Amino acid sequence: MIKNTTNNLSPYLELCKLNIMVPVSLTGFTGYFIFDPHLSVRIFLTSLGVLLMAVSASVLNQVQEVELDRKMNRTYSRPIPAGKITIQKAIIFFFINLVAGTVLIYTAGNLKAATIGLLTVLWYNGVYTYSKRITAFAVVPGALTGALPPLIGWVAAGGGIWDKPIIFLEFLFFIGQIPHFWLMILKYGDEYKKAGIPTLKDIFKLSQINRLTFTWIIASVVAALFLCVFEIIQNRLIILILMTGSAFMIWQFVDLLKSQPGKYSYKKYSISLDLYFLLIMILLISDRILI
C-alpha cells in the first residue's frame, strides 16, 4: 500500500520541479526578511505561498507545452508527455497550488502581495510561455518572473512596491535570469530547434553567444555590487565577501570566452551562477542580522 501511494505521488512531485521552485521560494523569503528581519510564522507562510504559486506556474507550463516536450530528449520523459499523469489531473493540481499559494500569501501578507503573485503566474504562463515560440529573445520579458518573487515577500512584509532596496534586488534577479537561460540554450539549443522553438543559435554563432552570455554575467555582477553602492548591504565584512565572490565569478566565466564553441561544461557554469545568487541571498540576510 505504501509503495502504491509513493508511485501515485511521484508524478506530482516531478511536476513540482522542486529543485527550481525551492530557490524561487528562497528569493521570496529574502525579500520579506530584508524588510522585516525577524523569523515568524508569517515569513514562512509567505515563502510557502510563493513556492506553491511557483509550482502552479510550472505545472501549467508543462500542460501548455506538452506537445513541445514530446519532441525533445530533455523533456519527453516528464510526467505528462510520458503518460504518468493526465492533463486533466495536472490542471486540477495547478488550481490547487494556485489557490493555496494565493490564500497563504494573502493571509500571511496582504492583498497586494497576493495580487503580485497572481500577476507573476499570468505573465509566466500567458506571456513568456507563448513568446518563446515567436522570438529567441523571449527570455528578456520572461526574466521578469524571476524578479517578482522577492517583491512578493517585500510587499507581504509591509514594504512598498517602489522602495529602493527592492527595486535594486528585483533588477539583480531580472538581469541574472538571462545568462542562466542562454547557458541552457548553448547546451540544448539543437533540441529547442528540433521542437520548432527559435533560439539564439538561429541568429548568432556559438562564439558570439558565449560573448553575449559573458556580457550578461558582468551585468549581473554589476547589479549585485549596486546593493553595496546604494547601501542596501552595509556591513563591511559582507561587502568584502560579496566583492570577493563577484571577482571569482568573473574569473570563472572568463573561461567561457576561451572555450571552443560547444566545448564547455554547461553544468559547471550553471552551478556557479546558482551558487552566486545563493551567496547574495545569504549575504543580504546576514547583513540584516548584523545591522
Protein backbone atom coordinates (compact mmCIF):
# COMPACT_ATOMS: atom_id res chain seq x y z
CA MET A 1 0.00 0.00 0.00
CA ILE A 2 2.80 2.46 0.90
CA LYS A 3 4.60 1.58 -2.34
CA ASN A 4 1.47 2.30 -4.41
CA THR A 5 0.95 5.63 -2.63
CA THR A 6 4.54 6.61 -3.37
CA ASN A 7 4.10 5.71 -7.03
CA ASN A 8 0.92 7.80 -7.19
CA LEU A 9 2.65 10.81 -5.69
CA SER A 10 5.79 10.56 -7.78
CA PRO A 11 4.38 12.20 -10.96
CA TYR A 12 3.10 15.13 -8.91
CA LEU A 13 6.49 15.62 -7.29
CA GLU A 14 8.09 15.58 -10.74
CA LEU A 15 5.61 18.22 -11.91
CA CYS A 16 6.63 20.44 -8.99
CA LYS A 17 10.28 20.78 -10.11
CA LEU A 18 11.25 21.47 -6.51
CA ASN A 19 14.94 21.81 -7.37
CA ILE A 20 13.99 25.01 -9.22
CA MET A 21 10.99 26.16 -7.18
CA VAL A 22 12.57 25.98 -3.71
CA PRO A 23 15.21 28.59 -4.69
CA VAL A 24 12.35 30.75 -6.04
CA SER A 25 10.70 30.49 -2.64
CA LEU A 26 14.00 31.49 -1.02
CA THR A 27 14.00 34.73 -3.03
CA GLY A 28 10.57 35.46 -1.57
CA PHE A 29 11.93 34.73 1.90
CA THR A 30 14.86 37.09 1.25
CA GLY A 31 12.58 39.89 0.07
CA TYR A 32 10.48 39.53 3.23
CA PHE A 33 13.46 39.28 5.59
CA ILE A 34 15.35 42.34 4.36
CA PHE A 35 12.25 44.42 5.19
CA ASP A 36 11.37 42.66 8.44
CA PRO A 37 14.45 40.80 9.74
CA HIS A 38 12.64 38.55 12.20
CA LEU A 39 11.70 34.91 11.94
CA SER A 40 7.96 34.47 12.30
CA VAL A 41 5.12 32.25 11.17
CA ARG A 42 4.20 34.92 8.59
CA ILE A 43 7.54 34.81 6.77
CA PHE A 44 7.41 31.03 6.46
CA LEU A 45 3.79 31.01 5.31
CA THR A 46 4.57 33.70 2.74
CA SER A 47 7.56 31.72 1.48
CA LEU A 48 5.43 28.59 1.25
CA GLY A 49 2.83 30.58 -0.65
CA VAL A 50 5.48 31.75 -3.12
CA LEU A 51 6.61 28.13 -3.53
CA LEU A 52 3.08 26.91 -4.25
CA MET A 53 2.41 29.68 -6.77
CA ALA A 54 5.73 28.94 -8.50
CA VAL A 55 4.78 25.25 -8.64
CA SER A 56 1.39 26.15 -10.12
CA ALA A 57 3.08 28.14 -12.90
CA SER A 58 5.44 25.26 -13.63
CA VAL A 59 2.60 22.72 -13.77
CA LEU A 60 0.52 24.87 -16.13
CA ASN A 61 3.59 25.45 -18.29
CA GLN A 62 4.02 21.69 -18.66
CA VAL A 63 0.38 21.39 -19.67
CA GLN A 64 0.80 24.17 -22.24
CA GLU A 65 3.99 22.71 -23.69
CA VAL A 66 3.20 19.01 -23.62
CA GLU A 67 3.48 18.67 -27.42
CA LEU A 68 6.82 20.51 -27.44
CA ASP A 69 8.09 18.38 -24.57
CA ARG A 70 7.38 15.23 -26.56
CA LYS A 71 9.80 16.42 -29.25
CA MET A 72 12.82 16.99 -27.01
CA ASN A 73 15.07 14.39 -25.40
CA ARG A 74 15.45 16.64 -22.38
CA THR A 75 11.71 16.75 -21.66
CA TYR A 76 9.96 13.78 -23.27
CA SER A 77 10.09 11.81 -20.01
CA ARG A 78 8.27 14.48 -18.00
CA PRO A 79 5.10 13.18 -16.32
CA ILE A 80 2.53 14.46 -18.86
CA PRO A 81 4.22 13.53 -22.17
CA ALA A 82 5.34 10.23 -20.64
CA GLY A 83 1.72 9.42 -19.71
CA LYS A 84 2.42 9.22 -15.97
CA ILE A 85 -0.34 11.74 -15.30
CA THR A 86 -3.24 13.03 -17.39
CA ILE A 87 -3.62 16.64 -18.47
CA GLN A 88 -6.89 16.83 -16.52
CA LYS A 89 -5.21 15.80 -13.27
CA ALA A 90 -2.34 18.19 -13.92
CA ILE A 91 -4.79 21.08 -14.38
CA ILE A 92 -6.51 20.21 -11.10
CA PHE A 93 -3.10 20.11 -9.41
CA PHE A 94 -2.33 23.53 -10.93
CA PHE A 95 -5.51 25.06 -9.48
CA ILE A 96 -4.92 23.52 -6.04
CA ASN A 97 -1.43 25.01 -5.84
CA LEU A 98 -2.53 28.37 -7.26
CA VAL A 99 -5.41 28.76 -4.81
CA ALA A 100 -3.41 27.51 -1.82
CA GLY A 101 -0.47 29.79 -2.64
CA THR A 102 -2.70 32.82 -3.12
CA VAL A 103 -4.55 32.20 0.14
CA LEU A 104 -1.31 31.76 2.09
CA ILE A 105 0.26 34.97 0.73
CA TYR A 106 -2.98 36.91 1.32
CA THR A 107 -3.39 35.54 4.85
CA ALA A 108 0.24 35.92 5.95
CA GLY A 109 0.84 39.07 3.94
CA ASN A 110 -1.77 41.18 2.21
CA LEU A 111 -3.92 41.52 -0.89
CA LYS A 112 -1.26 43.50 -2.77
CA ALA A 113 1.33 40.73 -2.36
CA ALA A 114 -1.18 38.06 -3.42
CA THR A 115 -2.08 40.12 -6.49
CA ILE A 116 1.58 40.40 -7.49
CA GLY A 117 1.81 36.62 -7.17
CA LEU A 118 -1.16 36.13 -9.50
CA LEU A 119 0.28 38.63 -11.99
CA THR A 120 3.56 36.70 -11.93
CA VAL A 121 1.80 33.46 -12.85
CA LEU A 122 -0.19 35.27 -15.54
CA TRP A 123 2.98 36.80 -17.02
CA TYR A 124 4.86 33.49 -16.99
CA ASN A 125 2.09 31.36 -18.48
CA GLY A 126 0.29 33.96 -20.55
CA VAL A 127 3.21 35.95 -21.98
CA TYR A 128 6.56 34.17 -21.60
CA THR A 129 5.38 30.65 -22.41
CA TYR A 130 3.91 31.72 -25.74
CA SER A 131 6.54 34.31 -26.66
CA LYS A 132 9.15 31.51 -26.61
CA ARG A 133 7.52 30.19 -29.79
CA ILE A 134 7.85 33.57 -31.50
CA THR A 135 11.23 35.04 -30.61
CA ALA A 136 14.64 33.87 -29.43
CA PHE A 137 14.69 36.84 -27.06
CA ALA A 138 11.60 35.78 -25.09
CA VAL A 139 13.81 35.30 -22.03
CA VAL A 140 14.15 39.09 -21.68
CA PRO A 141 10.47 39.74 -20.84
CA GLY A 142 10.33 36.28 -19.28
CA ALA A 143 13.05 37.22 -16.80
CA LEU A 144 10.53 39.48 -15.10
CA THR A 145 9.02 36.39 -13.48
CA GLY A 146 12.30 35.81 -11.65
CA ALA A 147 12.32 39.38 -10.36
CA LEU A 148 8.85 39.38 -8.82
CA PRO A 149 9.06 36.69 -6.06
CA PRO A 150 11.35 38.87 -3.86
CA LEU A 151 8.88 41.73 -4.39
CA ILE A 152 6.06 39.47 -3.17
CA GLY A 153 7.99 38.84 0.05
CA TRP A 154 8.89 42.51 0.49
CA VAL A 155 5.32 43.72 -0.01
CA ALA A 156 3.90 40.93 2.18
CA ALA A 157 6.14 42.16 4.99
CA GLY A 158 4.76 45.70 4.61
CA GLY A 159 7.15 47.25 2.10
CA GLY A 160 6.20 49.45 -0.83
CA ILE A 161 6.41 48.43 -4.47
CA TRP A 162 8.74 51.31 -5.37
CA ASP A 163 11.06 51.16 -2.34
CA LYS A 164 14.73 51.49 -3.33
CA PRO A 165 16.06 48.23 -1.79
CA ILE A 166 13.53 46.01 -3.52
CA ILE A 167 13.89 47.82 -6.85
CA PHE A 168 17.62 47.05 -6.93
CA LEU A 169 17.04 43.47 -5.77
CA GLU A 170 14.43 42.95 -8.50
CA PHE A 171 16.84 44.40 -11.05
CA LEU A 172 19.52 41.96 -9.95
CA PHE A 173 17.26 38.91 -10.27
CA PHE A 174 15.91 40.16 -13.59
CA ILE A 175 19.43 40.51 -15.06
CA GLY A 176 20.59 37.19 -13.59
CA GLN A 177 17.80 35.15 -15.21
CA ILE A 178 19.00 35.95 -18.71
CA PRO A 179 22.53 34.42 -18.78
CA HIS A 180 21.17 31.37 -16.97
CA PHE A 181 18.72 30.73 -19.81
CA TRP A 182 21.28 31.42 -22.51
CA LEU A 183 23.67 28.94 -20.93
CA MET A 184 20.90 26.38 -21.27
CA ILE A 185 20.44 27.36 -24.92
CA LEU A 186 24.14 26.75 -25.52
CA LYS A 187 23.63 23.16 -24.43
CA TYR A 188 20.08 22.38 -25.55
CA GLY A 189 19.67 24.79 -28.47
CA ASP A 190 19.52 21.98 -31.04
CA GLU A 191 16.66 20.32 -29.15
CA TYR A 192 14.75 23.58 -29.00
CA LYS A 193 15.27 23.99 -32.73
CA LYS A 194 14.01 20.45 -33.33
CA ALA A 195 10.84 21.33 -31.40
CA GLY A 196 10.36 24.46 -33.52
CA ILE A 197 11.35 26.96 -30.85
CA PRO A 198 13.53 29.84 -32.10
CA THR A 199 16.87 30.19 -30.31
CA LEU A 200 19.94 32.40 -30.38
CA LYS A 201 21.65 29.70 -32.44
CA ASP A 202 19.41 30.76 -35.31
CA ILE A 203 20.82 34.29 -35.10
CA PHE A 204 24.35 34.14 -33.69
CA LYS A 205 27.39 31.90 -33.88
CA LEU A 206 28.24 29.91 -30.76
CA SER A 207 31.28 32.10 -30.10
CA GLN A 208 29.02 35.17 -30.22
CA ILE A 209 26.56 33.59 -27.80
CA ASN A 210 29.47 32.85 -25.45
CA ARG A 211 30.47 36.53 -25.52
CA LEU A 212 26.88 37.66 -25.12
CA THR A 213 26.40 35.38 -22.12
CA PHE A 214 29.63 36.65 -20.56
CA THR A 215 28.44 40.25 -21.02
CA TRP A 216 25.25 39.46 -19.10
CA ILE A 217 27.31 37.80 -16.37
CA ILE A 218 29.24 41.07 -16.00
CA ALA A 219 25.91 42.94 -15.89
CA SER A 220 24.70 40.58 -13.15
CA VAL A 221 27.85 41.22 -11.08
CA VAL A 222 27.46 44.99 -11.51
CA ALA A 223 23.80 44.73 -10.44
CA ALA A 224 24.93 42.78 -7.35
CA LEU A 225 27.50 45.44 -6.47
CA PHE A 226 24.77 48.09 -6.74
CA LEU A 227 23.47 46.59 -3.50
CA CYS A 228 26.63 47.88 -1.82
CA VAL A 229 26.86 51.21 -3.66
CA PHE A 230 23.34 52.16 -2.65
CA GLU A 231 23.82 50.88 0.93
CA ILE A 232 21.31 48.06 0.73
CA ILE A 233 24.18 45.94 2.04
CA GLN A 234 26.05 47.95 4.69
CA ASN A 235 28.23 45.64 6.75
CA ARG A 236 31.87 45.96 5.60
CA LEU A 237 32.66 42.28 6.02
CA ILE A 238 29.57 41.32 3.99
CA ILE A 239 30.59 43.81 1.28
CA LEU A 240 34.09 42.30 1.17
CA ILE A 241 32.67 38.79 0.82
CA LEU A 242 30.37 39.90 -1.99
CA MET A 243 33.19 41.63 -3.84
CA THR A 244 35.40 38.56 -3.49
CA GLY A 245 32.64 36.27 -4.69
CA SER A 246 31.93 38.59 -7.61
CA ALA A 247 35.58 38.63 -8.67
CA PHE A 248 35.69 34.83 -8.50
CA MET A 249 32.50 34.68 -10.56
CA ILE A 250 34.01 36.79 -13.35
CA TRP A 251 37.24 34.77 -13.24
CA GLN A 252 35.29 31.54 -13.71
CA PHE A 253 33.28 32.84 -16.63
CA VAL A 254 36.31 34.23 -18.44
CA ASP A 255 36.92 30.58 -19.39
CA LEU A 256 33.68 30.73 -21.36
CA LEU A 257 35.33 33.21 -23.73
CA LYS A 258 38.34 30.92 -24.16
CA SER A 259 36.32 27.76 -24.77
CA GLN A 260 35.86 26.47 -28.26
CA PRO A 261 32.24 26.79 -29.42
CA GLY A 262 30.25 23.94 -27.92
CA LYS A 263 33.23 22.70 -25.87
CA TYR A 264 32.34 23.72 -22.34
CA SER A 265 30.63 22.45 -19.22
CA TYR A 266 27.09 23.81 -19.03
CA LYS A 267 26.67 22.21 -15.61
CA LYS A 268 29.77 23.95 -14.24
CA TYR A 269 28.67 27.42 -15.32
CA SER A 270 25.05 26.87 -14.34
CA ILE A 271 26.00 25.70 -10.84
CA SER A 272 28.39 28.64 -10.47
CA LEU A 273 25.63 31.08 -11.33
CA ASP A 274 23.18 29.40 -8.96
CA LEU A 275 25.72 29.45 -6.12
CA TYR A 276 26.50 33.11 -6.77
CA PHE A 277 22.86 34.09 -6.35
CA LEU A 278 22.52 31.85 -3.30
CA LEU A 279 25.55 33.65 -1.83
CA ILE A 280 23.91 37.01 -2.49
CA MET A 281 20.73 35.97 -0.68
CA ILE A 282 22.70 34.62 2.28
CA LEU A 283 24.70 37.86 2.44
CA LEU A 284 21.55 40.00 2.29
CA ILE A 285 20.02 38.04 5.16
CA SER A 286 23.28 38.12 7.13
CA ASP A 287 23.63 41.87 6.62
CA ARG A 288 20.18 42.46 8.10
CA ILE A 289 21.03 40.28 11.11
CA LEU A 290 24.29 42.17 11.73
CA ILE A 291 22.86 45.68 11.39
